[in-house]
Amino acid sequence: LFIDVLKKLREDGVTTVLVEQNTKRALRVADDVCVLASGRPV
């Protein structure tokens, strides 16, 4: 349900930065991805 809300917000022009443990779910909704390790982008 919340993934659907994120999609609706994107259509409305709201930029969302999502922190998510479920990688598969996050990649379904994301446009761009930043992966961090030890505080640095990899």
PDB file of all heavy atoms in Angstrom:
ATOM      1  N   LEU A   1       0.834  -1.200   0.000  1.00  0.00           N
ATOM      2  CA  LEU A   1       0.000   0.000   0.000  1.00  0.00           C
ATOM      3  C   LEU A   1       0.870   1.252   0.000  1.00  0.00           C
ATOM      4  O   LEU A   1       0.612   2.209  -0.734  1.00  0.00           O
ATOM      5  CB  LEU A   1      -0.919   0.004   1.219  1.00  0.00           C
ATOM      6  CG  LEU A   1      -1.581   1.340   1.571  1.00  0.00           C
ATOM      7  CD1 LEU A   1      -2.604   1.723   0.516  1.00  0.00           C
ATOM      8  CD2 LEU A   1      -2.251   1.270   2.949  1.00  0.00           C
ATOM      9  N   PHE A   2       1.917   1.249   0.808  1.00  0.00           N
ATOM     10  CA  PHE A   2       2.774   2.428   0.920  1.00  0.00           C
ATOM     11  C   PHE A   2       3.619   2.627  -0.337  1.00  0.00           C
ATOM     12  O   PHE A   2       3.931   3.765  -0.706  1.00  0.00           O
ATOM     13  CB  PHE A   2       3.651   2.322   2.166  1.00  0.00           C
ATOM     14  CG  PHE A   2       2.865   2.429   3.440  1.00  0.00           C
ATOM     15  CD1 PHE A   2       2.594   1.303   4.194  1.00  0.00           C
ATOM     16  CD2 PHE A   2       2.357   3.643   3.860  1.00  0.00           C
ATOM     17  CE1 PHE A   2       1.862   1.383   5.363  1.00  0.00           C
ATOM     18  CE2 PHE A   2       1.613   3.740   5.020  1.00  0.00           C
ATOM     19  CZ  PHE A   2       1.365   2.601   5.774  1.00  0.00           C
ATOM     20  N   ILE A   3       3.982   1.539  -0.987  1.00  0.00           N
ATOM     21  CA  ILE A   3       4.681   1.666  -2.270  1.00  0.00           C
ATOM     22  C   ILE A   3       3.772   2.368  -3.273  1.00  0.00           C
ATOM     23  O   ILE A   3       4.211   3.241  -4.037  1.00  0.00           O
ATOM     24  CB  ILE A   3       5.113   0.284  -2.801  1.00  0.00           C
ATOM     25  CG1 ILE A   3       6.211  -0.313  -1.911  1.00  0.00           C
ATOM     26  CG2 ILE A   3       5.580   0.379  -4.242  1.00  0.00           C
ATOM     27  CD1 ILE A   3       7.510   0.470  -1.913  1.00  0.00           C
ATOM     28  N   ASP A   4       2.491   2.013  -3.281  1.00  0.00           N
ATOM     29  CA  ASP A   4       1.539   2.679  -4.170  1.00  0.00           C
ATOM     30  C   ASP A   4       1.422   4.172  -3.834  1.00  0.00           C
ATOM     31  O   ASP A   4       1.292   5.011  -4.731  1.00  0.00           O
ATOM     32  CB  ASP A   4       0.161   2.013  -4.064  1.00  0.00           C
ATOM     33  CG  ASP A   4       0.138   0.608  -4.657  1.00  0.00           C
ATOM     34  OD1 ASP A   4       1.034   0.295  -5.468  1.00  0.00           O
ATOM     35  OD2 ASP A   4      -0.762  -0.169  -4.300  1.00  0.00           O
ATOM     36  N   VAL A   5       1.471   4.503  -2.551  1.00  0.00           N
ATOM     37  CA  VAL A   5       1.425   5.909  -2.140  1.00  0.00           C
ATOM     38  C   VAL A   5       2.652   6.653  -2.650  1.00  0.00           C
ATOM     39  O   VAL A   5       2.550   7.783  -3.144  1.00  0.00           O
ATOM     40  CB  VAL A   5       1.315   6.019  -0.605  1.00  0.00           C
ATOM     41  CG1 VAL A   5       1.525   7.462  -0.149  1.00  0.00           C
ATOM     42  CG2 VAL A   5      -0.050   5.530  -0.136  1.00  0.00           C
ATOM     43  N   LEU A   6       3.822   6.024  -2.559  1.00  0.00           N
ATOM     44  CA  LEU A   6       5.043   6.654  -3.070  1.00  0.00           C
ATOM     45  C   LEU A   6       4.925   6.933  -4.563  1.00  0.00           C
ATOM     46  O   LEU A   6       5.358   7.989  -5.046  1.00  0.00           O
ATOM     47  CB  LEU A   6       6.254   5.770  -2.803  1.00  0.00           C
ATOM     48  CG  LEU A   6       6.715   5.629  -1.353  1.00  0.00           C
ATOM     49  CD1 LEU A   6       7.972   4.763  -1.290  1.00  0.00           C
ATOM     50  CD2 LEU A   6       6.985   6.986  -0.725  1.00  0.00           C
ATOM     51  N   LYS A   7       4.355   6.005  -5.294  1.00  0.00           N
ATOM     52  CA  LYS A   7       4.175   6.203  -6.733  1.00  0.00           C
ATOM     53  C   LYS A   7       3.234   7.382  -7.003  1.00  0.00           C
ATOM     54  O   LYS A   7       3.471   8.180  -7.920  1.00  0.00           O
ATOM     55  CB  LYS A   7       3.630   4.926  -7.373  1.00  0.00           C
ATOM     56  CG  LYS A   7       4.625   3.768  -7.369  1.00  0.00           C
ATOM     57  CD  LYS A   7       4.000   2.501  -7.954  1.00  0.00           C
ATOM     58  CE  LYS A   7       4.988   1.350  -7.956  1.00  0.00           C
ATOM     59  NZ  LYS A   7       4.386   0.086  -8.467  1.00  0.00           N
ATOM     60  N   LYS A   8       2.178   7.483  -6.202  1.00  0.00           N
ATOM     61  CA  LYS A   8       1.238   8.593  -6.368  1.00  0.00           C
ATOM     62  C   LYS A   8       1.924   9.925  -6.047  1.00  0.00           C
ATOM     63  O   LYS A   8       1.728  10.925  -6.759  1.00  0.00           O
ATOM     64  CB  LYS A   8       0.034   8.385  -5.446  1.00  0.00           C
ATOM     65  CG  LYS A   8      -1.007   9.509  -5.510  1.00  0.00           C
ATOM     66  CD  LYS A   8      -1.641   9.580  -6.893  1.00  0.00           C
ATOM     67  CE  LYS A   8      -2.853  10.487  -6.941  1.00  0.00           C
ATOM     68  NZ  LYS A   8      -2.554  11.888  -6.589  1.00  0.00           N
ATOM     69  N   LEU A   9       2.732   9.958  -5.005  1.00  0.00           N
ATOM     70  CA  LEU A   9       3.443  11.179  -4.649  1.00  0.00           C
ATOM     71  C   LEU A   9       4.413  11.589  -5.756  1.00  0.00           C
ATOM     72  O   LEU A   9       4.575  12.769  -6.049  1.00  0.00           O
ATOM     73  CB  LEU A   9       4.194  10.987  -3.331  1.00  0.00           C
ATOM     74  CG  LEU A   9       3.322  10.818  -2.081  1.00  0.00           C
ATOM     75  CD1 LEU A   9       4.197  10.519  -0.874  1.00  0.00           C
ATOM     76  CD2 LEU A   9       2.478  12.054  -1.836  1.00  0.00           C
ATOM     77  N   ARG A  10       5.054  10.599  -6.369  1.00  0.00           N
ATOM     78  CA  ARG A  10       5.960  10.903  -7.487  1.00  0.00           C
ATOM     79  C   ARG A  10       5.188  11.551  -8.630  1.00  0.00           C
ATOM     80  O   ARG A  10       5.664  12.530  -9.227  1.00  0.00           O
ATOM     81  CB  ARG A  10       6.662   9.624  -7.962  1.00  0.00           C
ATOM     82  CG  ARG A  10       7.585   9.853  -9.158  1.00  0.00           C
ATOM     83  CD  ARG A  10       8.446   8.639  -9.441  1.00  0.00           C
ATOM     84  NE  ARG A  10       7.659   7.446  -9.659  1.00  0.00           N
ATOM     85  CZ  ARG A  10       8.184   6.218  -9.765  1.00  0.00           C
ATOM     86  NH1 ARG A  10       9.484   6.049  -9.633  1.00  0.00           N
ATOM     87  NH2 ARG A  10       7.409   5.176  -9.967  1.00  0.00           N
ATOM     88  N   GLU A  11       3.998  11.036  -8.924  1.00  0.00           N
ATOM     89  CA  GLU A  11       3.165  11.639  -9.968  1.00  0.00           C
ATOM     90  C   GLU A  11       2.786  13.076  -9.615  1.00  0.00           C
ATOM     91  O   GLU A  11       2.627  13.917 -10.507  1.00  0.00           O
ATOM     92  CB  GLU A  11       1.893  10.801 -10.154  1.00  0.00           C
ATOM     93  CG  GLU A  11       2.142   9.415 -10.732  1.00  0.00           C
ATOM     94  CD  GLU A  11       0.889   8.556 -10.710  1.00  0.00           C
ATOM     95  OE1 GLU A  11      -0.175   9.059 -10.262  1.00  0.00           O
ATOM     96  OE2 GLU A  11       0.965   7.388 -11.120  1.00  0.00           O
ATOM     97  N   ASP A  12       2.671  13.353  -8.310  1.00  0.00           N
ATOM     98  CA  ASP A  12       2.295  14.692  -7.848  1.00  0.00           C
ATOM     99  C   ASP A  12       3.497  15.624  -7.726  1.00  0.00           C
ATOM    100  O   ASP A  12       3.336  16.779  -7.306  1.00  0.00           O
ATOM    101  CB  ASP A  12       1.588  14.600  -6.494  1.00  0.00           C
ATOM    102  CG  ASP A  12       0.227  13.927  -6.594  1.00  0.00           C
ATOM    103  OD1 ASP A  12      -0.304  13.821  -7.723  1.00  0.00           O
ATOM    104  OD2 ASP A  12      -0.313  13.518  -5.552  1.00  0.00           O
ATOM    105  N   GLY A  13       4.689  15.138  -8.066  1.00  0.00           N
ATOM    106  CA  GLY A  13       5.872  15.990  -8.053  1.00  0.00           C
ATOM    107  C   GLY A  13       6.625  16.046  -6.746  1.00  0.00           C
ATOM    108  O   GLY A  13       7.478  16.918  -6.557  1.00  0.00           O
ATOM    109  N   VAL A  14       6.333  15.123  -5.818  1.00  0.00           N
ATOM    110  CA  VAL A  14       7.046  15.071  -4.541  1.00  0.00           C
ATOM    111  C   VAL A  14       8.254  14.143  -4.685  1.00  0.00           C
ATOM    112  O   VAL A  14       8.104  12.972  -5.049  1.00  0.00           O
ATOM    113  CB  VAL A  14       6.138  14.572  -3.402  1.00  0.00           C
ATOM    114  CG1 VAL A  14       6.927  14.501  -2.085  1.00  0.00           C
ATOM    115  CG2 VAL A  14       4.919  15.463  -3.256  1.00  0.00           C
ATOM    116  N   THR A  15       9.440  14.671  -4.415  1.00  0.00           N
ATOM    117  CA  THR A  15      10.650  13.853  -4.440  1.00  0.00           C
ATOM    118  C   THR A  15      10.765  13.106  -3.119  1.00  0.00           C
ATOM    119  O   THR A  15      10.643  13.693  -2.049  1.00  0.00           O
ATOM    120  CB  THR A  15      11.896  14.732  -4.641  1.00  0.00           C
ATOM    121  OG1 THR A  15      11.803  15.378  -5.908  1.00  0.00           O
ATOM    122  CG2 THR A  15      13.168  13.909  -4.588  1.00  0.00           C
ATOM    123  N   THR A  16      10.993  11.805  -3.185  1.00  0.00           N
ATOM    124  CA  THR A  16      11.100  10.979  -1.988  1.00  0.00           C
ATOM    125  C   THR A  16      12.467  10.323  -1.914  1.00  0.00           C
ATOM    126  O   THR A  16      12.953   9.776  -2.902  1.00  0.00           O
ATOM    127  CB  THR A  16      10.019   9.878  -1.974  1.00  0.00           C
ATOM    128  OG1 THR A  16       8.726  10.489  -2.070  1.00  0.00           O
ATOM    129  CG2 THR A  16      10.092   9.060  -0.699  1.00  0.00           C
ATOM    130  N   VAL A  17      13.069  10.406  -0.733  1.00  0.00           N
ATOM    131  CA  VAL A  17      14.301   9.670  -0.438  1.00  0.00           C
ATOM    132  C   VAL A  17      13.910   8.540   0.505  1.00  0.00           C
ATOM    133  O   VAL A  17      13.475   8.782   1.630  1.00  0.00           O
ATOM    134  CB  VAL A  17      15.370  10.573   0.208  1.00  0.00           C
ATOM    135  CG1 VAL A  17      16.619   9.762   0.543  1.00  0.00           C
ATOM    136  CG2 VAL A  17      15.718  11.728  -0.724  1.00  0.00           C
ATOM    137  N   LEU A  18      14.060   7.315   0.034  1.00  0.00           N
ATOM    138  CA  LEU A  18      13.591   6.138   0.755  1.00  0.00           C
ATOM    139  C   LEU A  18      14.763   5.336   1.303  1.00  0.00           C
ATOM    140  O   LEU A  18      15.666   4.946   0.557  1.00  0.00           O
ATOM    141  CB  LEU A  18      12.753   5.264  -0.186  1.00  0.00           C
ATOM    142  CG  LEU A  18      12.288   3.905   0.332  1.00  0.00           C
ATOM    143  CD1 LEU A  18      11.317   4.075   1.497  1.00  0.00           C
ATOM    144  CD2 LEU A  18      11.633   3.105  -0.803  1.00  0.00           C
ATOM    145  N   VAL A  19      14.749   5.096   2.610  1.00  0.00           N
ATOM    146  CA  VAL A  19      15.655   4.134   3.242  1.00  0.00           C
ATOM    147  C   VAL A  19      14.855   2.863   3.463  1.00  0.00           C
ATOM    148  O   VAL A  19      13.792   2.899   4.090  1.00  0.00           O
ATOM    149  CB  VAL A  19      16.188   4.670   4.590  1.00  0.00           C
ATOM    150  CG1 VAL A  19      16.895   3.551   5.363  1.00  0.00           C
ATOM    151  CG2 VAL A  19      17.142   5.824   4.361  1.00  0.00           C
ATOM    152  N   GLU A  20      15.349   1.743   2.951  1.00  0.00           N
ATOM    153  CA  GLU A  20      14.538   0.526   2.990  1.00  0.00           C
ATOM    154  C   GLU A  20      15.438  -0.710   3.071  1.00  0.00           C
ATOM    155  O   GLU A  20      16.395  -0.844   2.312  1.00  0.00           O
ATOM    156  CB  GLU A  20      13.662   0.470   1.744  1.00  0.00           C
ATOM    157  CG  GLU A  20      12.823  -0.780   1.584  1.00  0.00           C
ATOM    158  CD  GLU A  20      11.866  -1.008   2.742  1.00  0.00           C
ATOM    159  OE1 GLU A  20      11.008  -0.154   2.998  1.00  0.00           O
ATOM    160  OE2 GLU A  20      12.002  -2.053   3.400  1.00  0.00           O
ATOM    161  N   GLN A  21      15.107  -1.610   4.015  1.00  0.00           N
ATOM    162  CA  GLN A  21      15.857  -2.859   4.138  1.00  0.00           C
ATOM    163  C   GLN A  21      15.484  -3.846   3.028  1.00  0.00           C
ATOM    164  O   GLN A  21      16.323  -4.641   2.608  1.00  0.00           O
ATOM    165  CB  GLN A  21      15.570  -3.500   5.504  1.00  0.00           C
ATOM    166  CG  GLN A  21      16.177  -2.761   6.684  1.00  0.00           C
ATOM    167  CD  GLN A  21      17.685  -2.971   6.780  1.00  0.00           C
ATOM    168  OE1 GLN A  21      18.230  -3.886   6.170  1.00  0.00           O
ATOM    169  NE2 GLN A  21      18.343  -2.110   7.516  1.00  0.00           N
ATOM    170  N   ASN A  22      14.231  -3.796   2.573  1.00  0.00           N
ATOM    171  CA  ASN A  22      13.776  -4.713   1.536  1.00  0.00           C
ATOM    172  C   ASN A  22      14.231  -4.181   0.176  1.00  0.00           C
ATOM    173  O   ASN A  22      13.579  -3.347  -0.441  1.00  0.00           O
ATOM    174  CB  ASN A  22      12.250  -4.850   1.588  1.00  0.00           C
ATOM    175  CG  ASN A  22      11.732  -5.944   0.681  1.00  0.00           C
ATOM    176  OD1 ASN A  22      12.142  -6.050  -0.467  1.00  0.00           O
ATOM    177  ND2 ASN A  22      10.820  -6.752   1.193  1.00  0.00           N
ATOM    178  N   THR A  23      15.373  -4.683  -0.280  1.00  0.00           N
ATOM    179  CA  THR A  23      15.980  -4.181  -1.513  1.00  0.00           C
ATOM    180  C   THR A  23      15.073  -4.399  -2.717  1.00  0.00           C
ATOM    181  O   THR A  23      14.925  -3.509  -3.563  1.00  0.00           O
ATOM    182  CB  THR A  23      17.334  -4.872  -1.743  1.00  0.00           C
ATOM    183  OG1 THR A  23      18.184  -4.613  -0.623  1.00  0.00           O
ATOM    184  CG2 THR A  23      17.996  -4.385  -3.011  1.00  0.00           C
ATOM    185  N   LYS A  24      14.468  -5.559  -2.799  1.00  0.00           N
ATOM    186  CA  LYS A  24      13.612  -5.869  -3.941  1.00  0.00           C
ATOM    187  C   LYS A  24      12.460  -4.876  -4.037  1.00  0.00           C
ATOM    188  O   LYS A  24      12.158  -4.354  -5.109  1.00  0.00           O
ATOM    189  CB  LYS A  24      13.081  -7.298  -3.811  1.00  0.00           C
ATOM    190  CG  LYS A  24      12.205  -7.749  -4.962  1.00  0.00           C
ATOM    191  CD  LYS A  24      11.778  -9.203  -4.785  1.00  0.00           C
ATOM    192  CE  LYS A  24      10.897  -9.668  -5.931  1.00  0.00           C
ATOM    193  NZ  LYS A  24      10.488 -11.093  -5.747  1.00  0.00           N
ATOM    194  N   ARG A  25      11.843  -4.586  -2.892  1.00  0.00           N
ATOM    195  CA  ARG A  25      10.717  -3.649  -2.876  1.00  0.00           C
ATOM    196  C   ARG A  25      11.181  -2.240  -3.243  1.00  0.00           C
ATOM    197  O   ARG A  25      10.533  -1.528  -4.007  1.00  0.00           O
ATOM    198  CB  ARG A  25      10.063  -3.658  -1.503  1.00  0.00           C
ATOM    199  CG  ARG A  25       8.851  -2.748  -1.392  1.00  0.00           C
ATOM    200  CD  ARG A  25       8.168  -2.895  -0.048  1.00  0.00           C
ATOM    201  NE  ARG A  25       7.572  -4.210   0.100  1.00  0.00           N
ATOM    202  CZ  ARG A  25       7.862  -5.070   1.073  1.00  0.00           C
ATOM    203  NH1 ARG A  25       8.767  -4.750   1.979  1.00  0.00           N
ATOM    204  NH2 ARG A  25       7.256  -6.228   1.134  1.00  0.00           N
ATOM    205  N   ALA A  26      12.320  -1.828  -2.713  1.00  0.00           N
ATOM    206  CA  ALA A  26      12.823  -0.477  -2.984  1.00  0.00           C
ATOM    207  C   ALA A  26      13.135  -0.285  -4.460  1.00  0.00           C
ATOM    208  O   ALA A  26      12.834   0.755  -5.045  1.00  0.00           O
ATOM    209  CB  ALA A  26      14.061  -0.212  -2.143  1.00  0.00           C
ATOM    210  N   LEU A  27      13.732  -1.291  -5.081  1.00  0.00           N
ATOM    211  CA  LEU A  27      14.115  -1.166  -6.481  1.00  0.00           C
ATOM    212  C   LEU A  27      12.913  -1.141  -7.412  1.00  0.00           C
ATOM    213  O   LEU A  27      13.020  -0.670  -8.545  1.00  0.00           O
ATOM    214  CB  LEU A  27      15.060  -2.307  -6.869  1.00  0.00           C
ATOM    215  CG  LEU A  27      16.461  -2.240  -6.246  1.00  0.00           C
ATOM    216  CD1 LEU A  27      17.284  -3.465  -6.646  1.00  0.00           C
ATOM    217  CD2 LEU A  27      17.173  -0.962  -6.661  1.00  0.00           C
ATOM    218  N   ARG A  28      11.765  -1.616  -6.941  1.00  0.00           N
ATOM    219  CA  ARG A  28      10.564  -1.563  -7.772  1.00  0.00           C
ATOM    220  C   ARG A  28      10.040  -0.148  -7.909  1.00  0.00           C
ATOM    221  O   ARG A  28       9.372   0.188  -8.893  1.00  0.00           O
ATOM    222  CB  ARG A  28       9.468  -2.470  -7.183  1.00  0.00           C
ATOM    223  CG  ARG A  28       9.674  -3.947  -7.412  1.00  0.00           C
ATOM    224  CD  ARG A  28       8.342  -4.697  -7.414  1.00  0.00           C
ATOM    225  NE  ARG A  28       7.572  -4.467  -6.204  1.00  0.00           N
ATOM    226  CZ  ARG A  28       7.608  -5.250  -5.126  1.00  0.00           C
ATOM    227  NH1 ARG A  28       8.403  -6.296  -5.114  1.00  0.00           N
ATOM    228  NH2 ARG A  28       6.867  -4.979  -4.080  1.00  0.00           N
ATOM    229  N   VAL A  29      10.319   0.702  -6.934  1.00  0.00           N
ATOM    230  CA  VAL A  29       9.745   2.054  -6.946  1.00  0.00           C
ATOM    231  C   VAL A  29      10.786   3.129  -7.233  1.00  0.00           C
ATOM    232  O   VAL A  29      10.450   4.239  -7.619  1.00  0.00           O
ATOM    233  CB  VAL A  29       9.035   2.342  -5.598  1.00  0.00           C
ATOM    234  CG1 VAL A  29      10.030   2.494  -4.466  1.00  0.00           C
ATOM    235  CG2 VAL A  29       8.120   3.541  -5.703  1.00  0.00           C
ATOM    236  N   ALA A  30      12.075   2.799  -7.074  1.00  0.00           N
ATOM    237  CA  ALA A  30      13.125   3.817  -7.167  1.00  0.00           C
ATOM    238  C   ALA A  30      13.436   4.204  -8.611  1.00  0.00           C
ATOM    239  O   ALA A  30      13.371   3.376  -9.522  1.00  0.00           O
ATOM    240  CB  ALA A  30      14.398   3.318  -6.499  1.00  0.00           C
ATOM    241  N   ASP A  31      13.792   5.465  -8.797  1.00  0.00           N
ATOM    242  CA  ASP A  31      14.377   5.927 -10.057  1.00  0.00           C
ATOM    243  C   ASP A  31      15.896   5.830  -9.980  1.00  0.00           C
ATOM    244  O   ASP A  31      16.542   5.346 -10.897  1.00  0.00           O
ATOM    245  CB  ASP A  31      13.967   7.373 -10.340  1.00  0.00           C
ATOM    246  CG  ASP A  31      12.468   7.527 -10.536  1.00  0.00           C
ATOM    247  OD1 ASP A  31      11.919   6.804 -11.386  1.00  0.00           O
ATOM    248  OD2 ASP A  31      11.855   8.342  -9.837  1.00  0.00           O
ATOM    249  N   ASP A  32      16.445   6.319  -8.872  1.00  0.00           N
ATOM    250  CA  ASP A  32      17.895   6.336  -8.662  1.00  0.00           C
ATOM    251  C   ASP A  32      18.223   5.667  -7.338  1.00  0.00           C
ATOM    252  O   ASP A  32      17.405   5.651  -6.414  1.00  0.00           O
ATOM    253  CB  ASP A  32      18.419   7.776  -8.650  1.00  0.00           C
ATOM    254  CG  ASP A  32      18.109   8.493  -9.955  1.00  0.00           C
ATOM    255  OD1 ASP A  32      18.686   8.102 -10.982  1.00  0.00           O
ATOM    256  OD2 ASP A  32      17.289   9.424  -9.939  1.00  0.00           O
ATOM    257  N   VAL A  33      19.442   5.142  -7.250  1.00  0.00           N
ATOM    258  CA  VAL A  33      19.850   4.360  -6.086  1.00  0.00           C
ATOM    259  C   VAL A  33      21.209   4.834  -5.596  1.00  0.00           C
ATOM    260  O   VAL A  33      22.119   5.078  -6.393  1.00  0.00           O
ATOM    261  CB  VAL A  33      19.925   2.852  -6.435  1.00  0.00           C
ATOM    262  CG1 VAL A  33      20.510   2.051  -5.274  1.00  0.00           C
ATOM    263  CG2 VAL A  33      18.549   2.324  -6.795  1.00  0.00           C
ATOM    264  N   CYS A  34      21.312   4.966  -4.275  1.00  0.00           N
ATOM    265  CA  CYS A  34      22.595   5.180  -3.618  1.00  0.00           C
ATOM    266  C   CYS A  34      22.777   4.054  -2.609  1.00  0.00           C
ATOM    267  O   CYS A  34      21.928   3.859  -1.736  1.00  0.00           O
ATOM    268  CB  CYS A  34      22.630   6.534  -2.915  1.00  0.00           C
ATOM    269  SG  CYS A  34      24.132   6.800  -1.940  1.00  0.00           S
ATOM    270  N   VAL A  35      23.860   3.313  -2.727  1.00  0.00           N
ATOM    271  CA  VAL A  35      24.186   2.248  -1.775  1.00  0.00           C
ATOM    272  C   VAL A  35      25.316   2.743  -0.890  1.00  0.00           C
ATOM    273  O   VAL A  35      26.357   3.183  -1.388  1.00  0.00           O
ATOM    274  CB  VAL A  35      24.600   0.947  -2.495  1.00  0.00           C
ATOM    275  CG1 VAL A  35      24.984  -0.129  -1.472  1.00  0.00           C
ATOM    276  CG2 VAL A  35      23.461   0.444  -3.377  1.00  0.00           C
ATOM    277  N   LEU A  36      25.088   2.691   0.429  1.00  0.00           N
ATOM    278  CA  LEU A  36      26.085   3.119   1.398  1.00  0.00           C
ATOM    279  C   LEU A  36      26.733   1.916   2.063  1.00  0.00           C
ATOM    280  O   LEU A  36      26.086   0.889   2.296  1.00  0.00           O
ATOM    281  CB  LEU A  36      25.448   3.995   2.479  1.00  0.00           C
ATOM    282  CG  LEU A  36      24.849   5.339   2.075  1.00  0.00           C
ATOM    283  CD1 LEU A  36      24.265   6.038   3.302  1.00  0.00           C
ATOM    284  CD2 LEU A  36      25.886   6.226   1.410  1.00  0.00           C
ATOM    285  N   ALA A  37      27.995   2.064   2.403  1.00  0.00           N
ATOM    286  CA  ALA A  37      28.718   1.089   3.216  1.00  0.00           C
ATOM    287  C   ALA A  37      29.692   1.865   4.084  1.00  0.00           C
ATOM    288  O   ALA A  37      30.482   2.667   3.569  1.00  0.00           O
ATOM    289  CB  ALA A  37      29.462   0.090   2.340  1.00  0.00           C
ATOM    290  N   SER A  38      29.609   1.666   5.383  1.00  0.00           N
ATOM    291  CA  SER A  38      30.462   2.379   6.345  1.00  0.00           C
ATOM    292  C   SER A  38      30.393   3.896   6.147  1.00  0.00           C
ATOM    293  O   SER A  38      31.405   4.598   6.239  1.00  0.00           O
ATOM    294  CB  SER A  38      31.913   1.894   6.231  1.00  0.00           C
ATOM    295  OG  SER A  38      31.989   0.504   6.499  1.00  0.00           O
ATOM    296  N   GLY A  39      29.197   4.384   5.843  1.00  0.00           N
ATOM    297  CA  GLY A  39      28.984   5.818   5.728  1.00  0.00           C
ATOM    298  C   GLY A  39      29.398   6.436   4.410  1.00  0.00           C
ATOM    299  O   GLY A  39      29.272   7.651   4.230  1.00  0.00           O
ATOM    300  N   ARG A  40      29.845   5.633   3.469  1.00  0.00           N
ATOM    301  CA  ARG A  40      30.298   6.174   2.184  1.00  0.00           C
ATOM    302  C   ARG A  40      29.527   5.537   1.031  1.00  0.00           C
ATOM    303  O   ARG A  40      29.212   4.351   1.065  1.00  0.00           O
ATOM    304  CB  ARG A  40      31.798   5.913   1.988  1.00  0.00           C
ATOM    305  CG  ARG A  40      32.666   6.614   3.015  1.00  0.00           C
ATOM    306  CD  ARG A  40      34.153   6.374   2.750  1.00  0.00           C
ATOM    307  NE  ARG A  40      34.981   7.066   3.719  1.00  0.00           N
ATOM    308  CZ  ARG A  40      35.340   8.334   3.636  1.00  0.00           C
ATOM    309  NH1 ARG A  40      34.930   9.063   2.617  1.00  0.00           N
ATOM    310  NH2 ARG A  40      36.091   8.883   4.567  1.00  0.00           N
ATOM    311  N   PRO A  41      29.235   6.314  -0.013  1.00  0.00           N
ATOM    312  CA  PRO A  41      28.546   5.739  -1.169  1.00  0.00           C
ATOM    313  C   PRO A  41      29.460   4.814  -1.957  1.00  0.00           C
ATOM    314  O   PRO A  41      30.579   5.184  -2.298  1.00  0.00           O
ATOM    315  CB  PRO A  41      28.147   6.966  -2.002  1.00  0.00           C
ATOM    316  CG  PRO A  41      29.110   8.034  -1.596  1.00  0.00           C
ATOM    317  CD  PRO A  41      29.460   7.766  -0.161  1.00  0.00           C
ATOM    318  N   VAL A  42      28.983   3.601  -2.210  1.00  0.00           N
ATOM    319  CA  VAL A  42      29.739   2.645  -3.026  1.00  0.00           C
ATOM    320  C   VAL A  42      29.064   2.418  -4.369  1.00  0.00           C
ATOM    321  O   VAL A  42      29.621   1.765  -5.249  1.00  0.00           O
ATOM    322  CB  VAL A  42      29.911   1.304  -2.288  1.00  0.00           C
ATOM    323  CG1 VAL A  42      30.777   1.489  -1.044  1.00  0.00           C
ATOM    324  CG2 VAL A  42      28.561   0.692  -1.906  1.00  0.00           C
TER     325      VAL A  42
END
